[in-house]
Amino acid sequence: MGISSEMRESWAKRRESLLIASVFEEDRIRKSRECTQEGVRAGTKAAAVACVASAIPTLVAVRTIPWAKANLNYTAQALIISAASIAAYFITADKTILECARRNTHYDKSA
């Protein structure tokens, strides 16, 4: 049902031959990729810190607090820890990418 790989490659080659990127466009694409990579790096670091910062109190609480011991099974513990890590990753990556994009934006100061 899908497009065959040969047809996809021929369309990709045809599209590349029609479009010639300017130096300015190539520079924008490169900066965009760098911003994305910077965001991924920062998000991964934040997720690792959030994982440790949420795992320690969660695991301590499950072993010491009677309510947590009775109500938080392994799935709930994993959900608490992973939710904090996922949120930290996406929030940090988004902020980093937007900050990098603002840094790379050139405004026309004459207007």
N, C-alpha and C. Protein backbone atom coordinates (compact mmCIF):
# COMPACT_ATOMS: atom_id res chain seq x y z
N MET A 1 0.80 -1.20 0.00
CA MET A 1 0.00 0.00 0.00
C MET A 1 0.85 1.27 0.00
N GLY A 2 2.04 1.20 0.57
CA GLY A 2 2.86 2.39 0.68
C GLY A 2 3.66 2.66 -0.58
N ILE A 3 4.47 3.68 -0.52
CA ILE A 3 5.34 4.05 -1.64
C ILE A 3 6.58 3.18 -1.58
N SER A 4 6.96 2.63 -2.70
CA SER A 4 8.14 1.78 -2.73
C SER A 4 9.40 2.62 -2.49
N SER A 5 10.43 1.95 -2.02
CA SER A 5 11.65 2.67 -1.69
C SER A 5 12.31 3.28 -2.93
N GLU A 6 12.20 2.60 -4.07
CA GLU A 6 12.79 3.15 -5.29
C GLU A 6 12.10 4.44 -5.71
N MET A 7 10.77 4.43 -5.61
CA MET A 7 10.02 5.62 -6.00
C MET A 7 10.31 6.77 -5.03
N ARG A 8 10.42 6.44 -3.74
CA ARG A 8 10.71 7.46 -2.75
C ARG A 8 12.08 8.09 -3.01
N GLU A 9 13.07 7.25 -3.33
CA GLU A 9 14.41 7.76 -3.62
C GLU A 9 14.44 8.62 -4.87
N SER A 10 13.68 8.23 -5.89
CA SER A 10 13.66 9.02 -7.12
C SER A 10 13.01 10.38 -6.87
N TRP A 11 11.95 10.42 -6.07
CA TRP A 11 11.33 11.71 -5.74
C TRP A 11 12.26 12.57 -4.90
N ALA A 12 13.00 11.94 -3.98
CA ALA A 12 13.94 12.70 -3.16
C ALA A 12 15.05 13.29 -4.03
N LYS A 13 15.56 12.51 -4.98
CA LYS A 13 16.61 13.02 -5.86
C LYS A 13 16.08 14.14 -6.75
N ARG A 14 14.85 13.99 -7.23
CA ARG A 14 14.25 15.03 -8.08
C ARG A 14 14.07 16.33 -7.28
N ARG A 15 13.61 16.21 -6.04
CA ARG A 15 13.40 17.40 -5.22
C ARG A 15 14.73 18.09 -4.92
N GLU A 16 15.77 17.31 -4.65
CA GLU A 16 17.08 17.89 -4.38
C GLU A 16 17.64 18.61 -5.60
N SER A 17 17.38 18.09 -6.77
CA SER A 17 17.95 18.69 -7.97
C SER A 17 17.24 20.00 -8.32
N LEU A 18 15.97 20.15 -7.92
CA LEU A 18 15.24 21.37 -8.23
C LEU A 18 15.56 22.51 -7.28
N LEU A 19 15.86 22.18 -6.05
CA LEU A 19 16.10 23.20 -5.05
C LEU A 19 17.59 23.35 -4.78
N ILE A 20 18.04 24.57 -4.84
CA ILE A 20 19.44 24.85 -4.52
C ILE A 20 19.43 25.81 -3.34
N ALA A 21 19.92 25.32 -2.20
CA ALA A 21 19.91 26.13 -0.99
C ALA A 21 21.00 27.19 -1.05
N SER A 22 20.65 28.38 -0.60
CA SER A 22 21.63 29.45 -0.53
C SER A 22 22.51 29.24 0.70
N VAL A 23 23.56 29.99 0.78
CA VAL A 23 24.46 29.91 1.93
C VAL A 23 23.70 30.31 3.19
N PHE A 24 22.84 31.32 3.07
CA PHE A 24 22.05 31.79 4.21
C PHE A 24 21.12 30.68 4.70
N GLU A 25 20.47 29.97 3.77
CA GLU A 25 19.57 28.88 4.13
C GLU A 25 20.34 27.75 4.80
N GLU A 26 21.50 27.39 4.25
CA GLU A 26 22.30 26.32 4.85
C GLU A 26 22.75 26.70 6.25
N ASP A 27 23.09 27.97 6.46
CA ASP A 27 23.49 28.44 7.78
C ASP A 27 22.32 28.36 8.76
N ARG A 28 21.12 28.73 8.30
CA ARG A 28 19.93 28.63 9.16
C ARG A 28 19.63 27.18 9.53
N ILE A 29 19.77 26.28 8.58
CA ILE A 29 19.52 24.86 8.84
C ILE A 29 20.54 24.31 9.84
N ARG A 30 21.80 24.71 9.66
CA ARG A 30 22.85 24.26 10.58
C ARG A 30 22.60 24.77 11.99
N LYS A 31 22.24 26.05 12.11
CA LYS A 31 21.95 26.62 13.43
C LYS A 31 20.73 25.96 14.06
N SER A 32 19.74 25.63 13.24
CA SER A 32 18.55 24.95 13.75
C SER A 32 18.91 23.58 14.31
N ARG A 33 19.75 22.84 13.60
CA ARG A 33 20.18 21.52 14.08
C ARG A 33 20.99 21.65 15.37
N GLU A 34 21.85 22.67 15.44
CA GLU A 34 22.63 22.87 16.65
C GLU A 34 21.74 23.21 17.84
N CYS A 35 20.71 24.02 17.60
CA CYS A 35 19.78 24.36 18.68
C CYS A 35 19.04 23.12 19.16
N THR A 36 18.65 22.28 18.23
CA THR A 36 17.94 21.05 18.60
C THR A 36 18.83 20.13 19.41
N GLN A 37 20.08 19.97 18.96
CA GLN A 37 21.01 19.12 19.70
C GLN A 37 21.30 19.68 21.08
N GLU A 38 21.42 20.99 21.17
CA GLU A 38 21.66 21.63 22.47
C GLU A 38 20.46 21.39 23.40
N GLY A 39 19.25 21.48 22.86
CA GLY A 39 18.05 21.22 23.65
C GLY A 39 17.97 19.79 24.12
N VAL A 40 18.34 18.85 23.27
CA VAL A 40 18.32 17.43 23.65
C VAL A 40 19.33 17.18 24.76
N ARG A 41 20.51 17.75 24.64
CA ARG A 41 21.53 17.57 25.68
C ARG A 41 21.07 18.12 27.02
N ALA A 42 20.54 19.35 27.00
CA ALA A 42 20.09 19.98 28.24
C ALA A 42 18.90 19.21 28.83
N GLY A 43 17.99 18.76 27.98
CA GLY A 43 16.84 18.00 28.46
C GLY A 43 17.24 16.68 29.08
N THR A 44 18.22 16.01 28.49
CA THR A 44 18.69 14.74 29.04
C THR A 44 19.33 14.93 30.40
N LYS A 45 20.12 15.98 30.53
CA LYS A 45 20.74 16.26 31.83
C LYS A 45 19.67 16.57 32.88
N ALA A 46 18.68 17.37 32.52
CA ALA A 46 17.62 17.71 33.47
C ALA A 46 16.79 16.47 33.83
N ALA A 47 16.56 15.60 32.87
CA ALA A 47 15.79 14.37 33.15
C ALA A 47 16.55 13.46 34.11
N ALA A 48 17.87 13.38 33.94
CA ALA A 48 18.67 12.54 34.84
C ALA A 48 18.63 13.08 36.26
N VAL A 49 18.74 14.39 36.40
CA VAL A 49 18.69 15.01 37.73
C VAL A 49 17.31 14.82 38.34
N ALA A 50 16.26 15.01 37.54
CA ALA A 50 14.90 14.84 38.05
C ALA A 50 14.63 13.40 38.43
N CYS A 51 15.19 12.47 37.70
CA CYS A 51 15.01 11.05 38.02
C CYS A 51 15.57 10.74 39.40
N VAL A 52 16.78 11.18 39.67
CA VAL A 52 17.39 10.94 40.97
C VAL A 52 16.66 11.71 42.06
N ALA A 53 16.31 12.97 41.74
CA ALA A 53 15.64 13.81 42.74
C ALA A 53 14.25 13.31 43.09
N SER A 54 13.59 12.59 42.19
CA SER A 54 12.27 12.06 42.51
C SER A 54 12.33 10.61 42.98
N ALA A 55 13.34 9.87 42.58
CA ALA A 55 13.43 8.46 42.97
C ALA A 55 13.78 8.30 44.44
N ILE A 56 14.70 9.10 44.92
CA ILE A 56 15.14 8.94 46.31
C ILE A 56 13.99 9.17 47.29
N PRO A 57 13.28 10.30 47.23
CA PRO A 57 12.18 10.48 48.18
C PRO A 57 11.03 9.48 47.99
N THR A 58 10.78 9.09 46.74
CA THR A 58 9.70 8.13 46.50
C THR A 58 10.04 6.79 47.13
N LEU A 59 11.23 6.29 46.91
CA LEU A 59 11.61 5.00 47.47
C LEU A 59 11.74 5.03 48.99
N VAL A 60 12.21 6.14 49.52
CA VAL A 60 12.28 6.28 50.98
C VAL A 60 10.87 6.31 51.57
N ALA A 61 9.98 7.05 50.94
CA ALA A 61 8.60 7.16 51.44
C ALA A 61 7.89 5.81 51.42
N VAL A 62 8.11 5.03 50.37
CA VAL A 62 7.44 3.74 50.26
C VAL A 62 7.91 2.78 51.36
N ARG A 63 9.14 2.95 51.80
CA ARG A 63 9.64 2.04 52.83
C ARG A 63 9.39 2.54 54.25
N THR A 64 9.09 3.81 54.44
CA THR A 64 8.94 4.34 55.80
C THR A 64 7.53 4.81 56.14
N ILE A 65 6.78 5.34 55.20
CA ILE A 65 5.44 5.87 55.48
C ILE A 65 4.42 4.76 55.28
N PRO A 66 3.61 4.47 56.30
CA PRO A 66 2.66 3.36 56.18
C PRO A 66 1.65 3.52 55.03
N TRP A 67 1.14 4.73 54.82
CA TRP A 67 0.17 4.93 53.73
C TRP A 67 0.81 4.63 52.38
N ALA A 68 2.02 5.14 52.17
CA ALA A 68 2.71 4.91 50.89
C ALA A 68 3.03 3.43 50.72
N LYS A 69 3.41 2.77 51.81
CA LYS A 69 3.72 1.35 51.74
C LYS A 69 2.50 0.54 51.32
N ALA A 70 1.32 0.95 51.79
CA ALA A 70 0.09 0.21 51.49
C ALA A 70 -0.47 0.55 50.11
N ASN A 71 -0.26 1.77 49.62
CA ASN A 71 -0.96 2.22 48.42
C ASN A 71 -0.11 2.40 47.16
N LEU A 72 1.19 2.50 47.29
CA LEU A 72 2.03 2.73 46.11
C LEU A 72 2.75 1.44 45.71
N ASN A 73 2.24 0.76 44.70
CA ASN A 73 2.91 -0.44 44.21
C ASN A 73 4.06 -0.04 43.28
N TYR A 74 4.70 -1.04 42.67
CA TYR A 74 5.85 -0.76 41.81
C TYR A 74 5.49 0.11 40.61
N THR A 75 4.30 -0.11 40.07
CA THR A 75 3.87 0.68 38.92
C THR A 75 3.69 2.14 39.30
N ALA A 76 3.09 2.40 40.44
CA ALA A 76 2.90 3.78 40.90
C ALA A 76 4.24 4.46 41.15
N GLN A 77 5.16 3.74 41.72
CA GLN A 77 6.49 4.32 41.97
C GLN A 77 7.18 4.68 40.65
N ALA A 78 7.11 3.76 39.69
CA ALA A 78 7.73 4.02 38.39
C ALA A 78 7.05 5.19 37.70
N LEU A 79 5.74 5.30 37.85
CA LEU A 79 5.01 6.41 37.23
C LEU A 79 5.40 7.75 37.83
N ILE A 80 5.55 7.80 39.13
CA ILE A 80 5.97 9.05 39.79
C ILE A 80 7.35 9.47 39.29
N ILE A 81 8.26 8.53 39.27
CA ILE A 81 9.64 8.85 38.87
C ILE A 81 9.71 9.22 37.39
N SER A 82 9.04 8.46 36.54
CA SER A 82 9.12 8.75 35.10
C SER A 82 8.38 10.02 34.73
N ALA A 83 7.28 10.33 35.42
CA ALA A 83 6.56 11.58 35.12
C ALA A 83 7.43 12.79 35.40
N ALA A 84 8.16 12.75 36.50
CA ALA A 84 9.06 13.86 36.81
C ALA A 84 10.17 13.98 35.78
N SER A 85 10.71 12.85 35.36
CA SER A 85 11.80 12.86 34.38
C SER A 85 11.33 13.36 33.02
N ILE A 86 10.17 12.88 32.58
CA ILE A 86 9.63 13.30 31.28
C ILE A 86 9.31 14.78 31.27
N ALA A 87 8.69 15.25 32.33
CA ALA A 87 8.36 16.69 32.41
C ALA A 87 9.63 17.54 32.39
N ALA A 88 10.63 17.14 33.15
CA ALA A 88 11.89 17.89 33.18
C ALA A 88 12.54 17.91 31.81
N TYR A 89 12.51 16.78 31.12
CA TYR A 89 13.13 16.71 29.79
C TYR A 89 12.47 17.69 28.83
N PHE A 90 11.15 17.60 28.70
CA PHE A 90 10.47 18.42 27.70
C PHE A 90 10.48 19.90 28.06
N ILE A 91 10.33 20.24 29.31
CA ILE A 91 10.36 21.65 29.70
C ILE A 91 11.74 22.25 29.43
N THR A 92 12.78 21.54 29.83
CA THR A 92 14.14 22.05 29.64
C THR A 92 14.52 22.10 28.17
N ALA A 93 14.17 21.06 27.42
CA ALA A 93 14.50 21.06 25.99
C ALA A 93 13.79 22.20 25.27
N ASP A 94 12.53 22.42 25.60
CA ASP A 94 11.77 23.50 24.98
C ASP A 94 12.37 24.86 25.30
N LYS A 95 12.68 25.10 26.56
CA LYS A 95 13.27 26.38 26.96
C LYS A 95 14.63 26.59 26.29
N THR A 96 15.42 25.55 26.21
CA THR A 96 16.76 25.66 25.61
C THR A 96 16.66 25.95 24.11
N ILE A 97 15.77 25.26 23.42
CA ILE A 97 15.62 25.48 21.98
C ILE A 97 15.11 26.88 21.71
N LEU A 98 14.14 27.35 22.48
CA LEU A 98 13.62 28.71 22.28
C LEU A 98 14.68 29.77 22.58
N GLU A 99 15.46 29.55 23.63
CA GLU A 99 16.52 30.51 23.97
C GLU A 99 17.58 30.54 22.88
N CYS A 100 17.92 29.39 22.34
CA CYS A 100 18.90 29.32 21.25
C CYS A 100 18.35 29.98 19.99
N ALA A 101 17.07 29.78 19.72
CA ALA A 101 16.46 30.40 18.54
C ALA A 101 16.45 31.92 18.68
N ARG A 102 16.15 32.41 19.89
CA ARG A 102 16.18 33.87 20.12
C ARG A 102 17.59 34.41 19.93
N ARG A 103 18.56 33.66 20.37
CA ARG A 103 19.96 34.08 20.25
C ARG A 103 20.39 34.15 18.79
N ASN A 104 19.85 33.26 17.96
CA ASN A 104 20.24 33.22 16.55
C ASN A 104 19.38 34.08 15.64
N THR A 105 18.36 34.71 16.18
CA THR A 105 17.48 35.54 15.36
C THR A 105 18.13 36.89 15.11
N HIS A 106 18.06 37.34 13.86
CA HIS A 106 18.60 38.64 13.48
C HIS A 106 17.44 39.54 13.09
N TYR A 107 17.23 40.57 13.87
CA TYR A 107 16.14 41.50 13.58
C TYR A 107 16.68 42.67 12.77
N ASP A 108 15.82 43.21 11.93
CA ASP A 108 16.18 44.41 11.17
C ASP A 108 16.04 45.60 12.10
N LYS A 109 17.14 46.21 12.48
CA LYS A 109 17.12 47.30 13.48
C LYS A 109 16.83 48.65 12.86
N SER A 110 16.74 48.73 11.54
CA SER A 110 16.48 50.02 10.91
C SER A 110 15.01 50.40 10.99
N ALA A 111 14.12 49.45 11.15
CA ALA A 111 12.68 49.74 11.16
C ALA A 111 12.20 50.20 12.49
